[in-house]
Amino acid sequence: MIRTAVPALLSALLLTATAAHADFAKDLKNAALQKANNSAAEKLGIATPAPEGAKVYLISPKDGDTVSGPFKVQFGLSNAGIAPAGTQVDGTGHHHLLIDDPQVDLTQPLPATDSIKHFGKGQTETTLTLKPGKHTLQLLFADWKHQPFNPSVASDKITITVK
């Protein structure tokens, strides 16, 4: 009985190991393909398609508000999710806040400047300190590589006054 059980057991173990190896090889191949696609998208500046129906908006402040600095800015998002920069998950991205209408190239990753604030950790609010006077604020949603989606997902531009 042991003579027949051992070969059957070895055969079953060999089949299990072979199946596990095939799954591992498939997973490794898929991961390599995804990494190659990500690298090509990044190097070629290929825009990620916008999540269907995605919208960003400013919860606060509202258009026309007068604020005293520092003040809180809250970001809103619908029909998409938040993921940190560098994390590629379909239907997700992260916020960028455009201050005083900077020029942006929607076909390139957004630079980090005093007028283009990055929220690559997935933040949904910030505290701003701006000089007294009128200022504009606008949200721009971008993909894992800081590149705006195609078509772009941007909020309405608002104007605020800082005391």
C-alpha atoms as a PDB file:
ATOM      1  CA  MET A   1       0.000   0.000   0.000  1.00  0.00           C
ATOM      2  CA  ILE A   2       2.827   2.388   0.822  1.00  0.00           C
ATOM      3  CA  ARG A   3       4.422   1.533  -2.532  1.00  0.00           C
ATOM      4  CA  THR A   4       1.386   2.827  -4.423  1.00  0.00           C
ATOM      5  CA  ALA A   5       0.593   5.748  -2.096  1.00  0.00           C
ATOM      6  CA  VAL A   6       4.041   7.345  -2.326  1.00  0.00           C
ATOM      7  CA  PRO A   7       4.112   7.661  -6.140  1.00  0.00           C
ATOM      8  CA  ALA A   8       0.545   9.033  -6.122  1.00  0.00           C
ATOM      9  CA  LEU A   9       1.486  11.552  -3.426  1.00  0.00           C
ATOM     10  CA  LEU A  10       4.614  12.588  -5.316  1.00  0.00           C
ATOM     11  CA  SER A  11       2.607  12.939  -8.513  1.00  0.00           C
ATOM     12  CA  ALA A  12       0.029  15.166  -6.736  1.00  0.00           C
ATOM     13  CA  LEU A  13       2.787  17.322  -5.216  1.00  0.00           C
ATOM     14  CA  LEU A  14       4.473  17.664  -8.592  1.00  0.00           C
ATOM     15  CA  LEU A  15       1.185  18.774 -10.225  1.00  0.00           C
ATOM     16  CA  THR A  16       0.576  21.320  -7.429  1.00  0.00           C
ATOM     17  CA  ALA A  17       4.121  22.698  -7.725  1.00  0.00           C
ATOM     18  CA  THR A  18       3.801  22.921 -11.515  1.00  0.00           C
ATOM     19  CA  ALA A  19       0.493  24.824 -11.266  1.00  0.00           C
ATOM     20  CA  ALA A  20       1.939  27.178  -8.643  1.00  0.00           C
ATOM     21  CA  HIS A  21       4.981  27.773 -10.851  1.00  0.00           C
ATOM     22  CA  ALA A  22       2.735  28.521 -13.859  1.00  0.00           C
ATOM     23  CA  ASP A  23       0.702  31.035 -11.778  1.00  0.00           C
ATOM     24  CA  PHE A  24       3.903  32.667 -10.509  1.00  0.00           C
ATOM     25  CA  ALA A  25       5.298  32.897 -14.049  1.00  0.00           C
ATOM     26  CA  LYS A  26       2.044  34.429 -15.301  1.00  0.00           C
ATOM     27  CA  ASP A  27       2.012  36.966 -12.428  1.00  0.00           C
ATOM     28  CA  LEU A  28       5.657  37.836 -13.081  1.00  0.00           C
ATOM     29  CA  LYS A  29       4.989  38.290 -16.801  1.00  0.00           C
ATOM     30  CA  ASN A  30       1.968  40.544 -16.095  1.00  0.00           C
ATOM     31  CA  ALA A  31       3.970  42.631 -13.605  1.00  0.00           C
ATOM     32  CA  ALA A  32       6.802  43.066 -16.134  1.00  0.00           C
ATOM     33  CA  LEU A  33       4.326  44.081 -18.848  1.00  0.00           C
ATOM     34  CA  GLN A  34       2.659  46.626 -16.527  1.00  0.00           C
ATOM     35  CA  LYS A  35       6.070  48.060 -15.565  1.00  0.00           C
ATOM     36  CA  ALA A  36       7.034  48.379 -19.240  1.00  0.00           C
ATOM     37  CA  ASN A  37       3.704  50.080 -20.042  1.00  0.00           C
ATOM     38  CA  ASN A  38       4.137  52.483 -17.108  1.00  0.00           C
ATOM     39  CA  SER A  39       7.673  53.329 -18.176  1.00  0.00           C
ATOM     40  CA  ALA A  40       6.576  53.966 -21.772  1.00  0.00           C
ATOM     41  CA  ALA A  41       3.625  56.110 -20.647  1.00  0.00           C
ATOM     42  CA  GLU A  42       5.917  58.155 -18.434  1.00  0.00           C
ATOM     43  CA  LYS A  43       8.673  58.621 -21.016  1.00  0.00           C
ATOM     44  CA  LEU A  44       6.297  59.369 -23.881  1.00  0.00           C
ATOM     45  CA  GLY A  45       4.005  61.617 -21.847  1.00  0.00           C
ATOM     46  CA  ILE A  46       0.955  59.533 -22.673  1.00  0.00           C
ATOM     47  CA  ALA A  47      -2.037  60.926 -20.812  1.00  0.00           C
ATOM     48  CA  THR A  48      -4.182  58.580 -18.776  1.00  0.00           C
ATOM     49  CA  PRO A  49      -7.848  58.553 -19.834  1.00  0.00           C
ATOM     50  CA  ALA A  50      -9.973  60.441 -17.309  1.00  0.00           C
ATOM     51  CA  PRO A  51     -12.176  58.348 -15.028  1.00  0.00           C
ATOM     52  CA  GLU A  52     -15.661  58.448 -16.564  1.00  0.00           C
ATOM     53  CA  GLY A  53     -17.764  61.188 -15.000  1.00  0.00           C
ATOM     54  CA  ALA A  54     -14.979  62.362 -12.669  1.00  0.00           C
ATOM     55  CA  LYS A  55     -15.429  65.843 -11.233  1.00  0.00           C
ATOM     56  CA  VAL A  56     -13.360  67.938  -8.839  1.00  0.00           C
ATOM     57  CA  TYR A  57     -14.605  70.985  -7.001  1.00  0.00           C
ATOM     58  CA  LEU A  58     -13.672  73.294  -4.174  1.00  0.00           C
ATOM     59  CA  ILE A  59     -15.792  72.730  -1.068  1.00  0.00           C
ATOM     60  CA  SER A  60     -14.340  75.770   0.639  1.00  0.00           C
ATOM     61  CA  PRO A  61     -13.694  78.573   0.225  1.00  0.00           C
ATOM     62  CA  LYS A  62     -16.512  79.514  -2.166  1.00  0.00           C
ATOM     63  CA  ASP A  63     -16.298  81.864  -5.134  1.00  0.00           C
ATOM     64  CA  GLY A  64     -16.374  85.462  -3.884  1.00  0.00           C
ATOM     65  CA  ASP A  65     -15.456  84.646  -0.278  1.00  0.00           C
ATOM     66  CA  THR A  66     -13.269  86.940   1.800  1.00  0.00           C
ATOM     67  CA  VAL A  67     -10.866  84.998   4.034  1.00  0.00           C
ATOM     68  CA  SER A  68      -8.218  85.758   6.600  1.00  0.00           C
ATOM     69  CA  GLY A  69      -4.960  83.880   6.328  1.00  0.00           C
ATOM     70  CA  PRO A  70      -4.027  81.243   6.976  1.00  0.00           C
ATOM     71  CA  PHE A  71      -7.214  79.634   5.677  1.00  0.00           C
ATOM     72  CA  LYS A  72      -8.375  76.092   4.955  1.00  0.00           C
ATOM     73  CA  VAL A  73      -9.014  74.885   1.397  1.00  0.00           C
ATOM     74  CA  GLN A  74     -11.107  71.703   1.098  1.00  0.00           C
ATOM     75  CA  PHE A  75     -11.153  69.623  -2.089  1.00  0.00           C
ATOM     76  CA  GLY A  76     -14.131  67.661  -3.412  1.00  0.00           C
ATOM     77  CA  LEU A  77     -14.164  64.727  -5.815  1.00  0.00           C
ATOM     78  CA  SER A  78     -16.883  62.564  -7.334  1.00  0.00           C
ATOM     79  CA  ASN A  79     -16.830  59.484  -9.599  1.00  0.00           C
ATOM     80  CA  ALA A  80     -13.124  58.793  -8.987  1.00  0.00           C
ATOM     81  CA  GLY A  81     -10.849  57.772  -6.148  1.00  0.00           C
ATOM     82  CA  ILE A  82      -7.761  59.193  -4.504  1.00  0.00           C
ATOM     83  CA  ALA A  83      -4.399  57.422  -4.710  1.00  0.00           C
ATOM     84  CA  PRO A  84      -0.948  58.749  -3.868  1.00  0.00           C
ATOM     85  CA  ALA A  85       1.308  59.886  -6.710  1.00  0.00           C
ATOM     86  CA  GLY A  86       3.286  56.958  -8.106  1.00  0.00           C
ATOM     87  CA  THR A  87       0.423  54.533  -7.413  1.00  0.00           C
ATOM     88  CA  GLN A  88      -1.285  53.451 -10.603  1.00  0.00           C
ATOM     89  CA  VAL A  89      -4.816  52.266  -9.907  1.00  0.00           C
ATOM     90  CA  ASP A  90      -7.540  52.655 -12.536  1.00  0.00           C
ATOM     91  CA  GLY A  91     -10.035  55.402 -11.778  1.00  0.00           C
ATOM     92  CA  THR A  92      -7.802  57.201  -9.271  1.00  0.00           C
ATOM     93  CA  GLY A  93      -5.547  60.235  -9.122  1.00  0.00           C
ATOM     94  CA  HIS A  94      -4.571  63.062  -6.811  1.00  0.00           C
ATOM     95  CA  HIS A  95      -5.204  66.791  -6.474  1.00  0.00           C
ATOM     96  CA  HIS A  96      -3.187  69.808  -7.596  1.00  0.00           C
ATOM     97  CA  LEU A  97      -4.165  73.337  -6.590  1.00  0.00           C
ATOM     98  CA  LEU A  98      -3.559  76.096  -9.121  1.00  0.00           C
ATOM     99  CA  ILE A  99      -3.121  79.502  -7.485  1.00  0.00           C
ATOM    100  CA  ASP A 100      -3.475  82.729  -9.471  1.00  0.00           C
ATOM    101  CA  ASP A 101      -3.955  81.056 -12.848  1.00  0.00           C
ATOM    102  CA  PRO A 102      -0.495  79.646 -13.666  1.00  0.00           C
ATOM    103  CA  GLN A 103       0.229  78.472 -17.196  1.00  0.00           C
ATOM    104  CA  VAL A 104       0.110  74.669 -17.330  1.00  0.00           C
ATOM    105  CA  ASP A 105       0.814  72.262 -20.155  1.00  0.00           C
ATOM    106  CA  LEU A 106      -1.928  69.649 -19.870  1.00  0.00           C
ATOM    107  CA  THR A 107       0.171  67.188 -21.901  1.00  0.00           C
ATOM    108  CA  GLN A 108       3.034  67.110 -19.370  1.00  0.00           C
ATOM    109  CA  PRO A 109       3.470  66.239 -15.695  1.00  0.00           C
ATOM    110  CA  LEU A 110       2.745  69.297 -13.567  1.00  0.00           C
ATOM    111  CA  PRO A 111       5.761  71.011 -11.990  1.00  0.00           C
ATOM    112  CA  ALA A 112       5.692  71.805  -8.272  1.00  0.00           C
ATOM    113  CA  THR A 113       5.831  75.595  -7.881  1.00  0.00           C
ATOM    114  CA  ASP A 114       4.441  78.278  -5.582  1.00  0.00           C
ATOM    115  CA  SER A 115       1.460  78.502  -7.964  1.00  0.00           C
ATOM    116  CA  ILE A 116       1.006  74.758  -8.538  1.00  0.00           C
ATOM    117  CA  LYS A 117       0.674  72.877  -5.266  1.00  0.00           C
ATOM    118  CA  HIS A 118       0.928  69.083  -5.327  1.00  0.00           C
ATOM    119  CA  PHE A 119      -1.045  66.838  -3.012  1.00  0.00           C
ATOM    120  CA  GLY A 120       0.636  63.588  -4.005  1.00  0.00           C
ATOM    121  CA  LYS A 121       0.014  61.853  -0.685  1.00  0.00           C
ATOM    122  CA  GLY A 122      -3.702  61.889  -1.425  1.00  0.00           C
ATOM    123  CA  GLN A 123      -4.579  64.894   0.730  1.00  0.00           C
ATOM    124  CA  THR A 124      -8.052  66.357   0.379  1.00  0.00           C
ATOM    125  CA  GLU A 125      -7.447  69.679   2.123  1.00  0.00           C
ATOM    126  CA  THR A 126      -4.689  72.136   2.931  1.00  0.00           C
ATOM    127  CA  THR A 127      -4.070  75.359   4.782  1.00  0.00           C
ATOM    128  CA  LEU A 128      -2.927  78.275   2.633  1.00  0.00           C
ATOM    129  CA  THR A 129      -1.291  81.555   3.449  1.00  0.00           C
ATOM    130  CA  LEU A 130      -1.566  84.090   0.630  1.00  0.00           C
ATOM    131  CA  LYS A 131      -0.737  87.780   0.487  1.00  0.00           C
ATOM    132  CA  PRO A 132      -3.668  90.157   1.018  1.00  0.00           C
ATOM    133  CA  GLY A 133      -5.640  90.863  -2.152  1.00  0.00           C
ATOM    134  CA  LYS A 134      -7.585  88.994  -4.827  1.00  0.00           C
ATOM    135  CA  HIS A 135      -6.512  85.486  -5.801  1.00  0.00           C
ATOM    136  CA  THR A 136      -7.841  82.675  -7.975  1.00  0.00           C
ATOM    137  CA  LEU A 137      -7.953  79.005  -6.993  1.00  0.00           C
ATOM    138  CA  GLN A 138      -8.645  75.981  -9.194  1.00  0.00           C
ATOM    139  CA  LEU A 139      -8.272  72.238  -8.661  1.00  0.00           C
ATOM    140  CA  LEU A 140      -6.714  70.027 -11.317  1.00  0.00           C
ATOM    141  CA  PHE A 141      -6.880  66.249 -10.905  1.00  0.00           C
ATOM    142  CA  ALA A 142      -3.916  64.267 -12.232  1.00  0.00           C
ATOM    143  CA  ASP A 143      -2.767  60.685 -12.619  1.00  0.00           C
ATOM    144  CA  TRP A 144      -0.030  58.676 -10.887  1.00  0.00           C
ATOM    145  CA  LYS A 145       2.710  60.592 -12.743  1.00  0.00           C
ATOM    146  CA  HIS A 146       1.339  64.103 -11.985  1.00  0.00           C
ATOM    147  CA  GLN A 147       0.017  64.411 -15.548  1.00  0.00           C
ATOM    148  CA  PRO A 148      -3.498  65.797 -16.041  1.00  0.00           C
ATOM    149  CA  PHE A 149      -6.028  63.287 -17.330  1.00  0.00           C
ATOM    150  CA  ASN A 150      -7.339  63.380 -20.883  1.00  0.00           C
ATOM    151  CA  PRO A 151      -9.783  65.041 -21.002  1.00  0.00           C
ATOM    152  CA  SER A 152      -8.674  67.211 -18.102  1.00  0.00           C
ATOM    153  CA  VAL A 153     -10.590  67.046 -14.849  1.00  0.00           C
ATOM    154  CA  ALA A 154     -10.582  70.567 -13.387  1.00  0.00           C
ATOM    155  CA  SER A 155     -12.821  72.542 -11.085  1.00  0.00           C
ATOM    156  CA  ASP A 156     -14.344  75.882 -11.879  1.00  0.00           C
ATOM    157  CA  LYS A 157     -11.922  78.692 -11.107  1.00  0.00           C
ATOM    158  CA  ILE A 158     -12.933  80.743  -8.089  1.00  0.00           C
ATOM    159  CA  THR A 159     -11.851  84.198  -6.964  1.00  0.00           C
ATOM    160  CA  ILE A 160     -11.305  84.968  -3.296  1.00  0.00           C
ATOM    161  CA  THR A 161     -10.112  88.008  -1.376  1.00  0.00           C
ATOM    162  CA  VAL A 162      -7.544  87.605   1.375  1.00  0.00           C
ATOM    163  CA  LYS A 163      -7.620  90.239   4.138  1.00  0.00           C
END
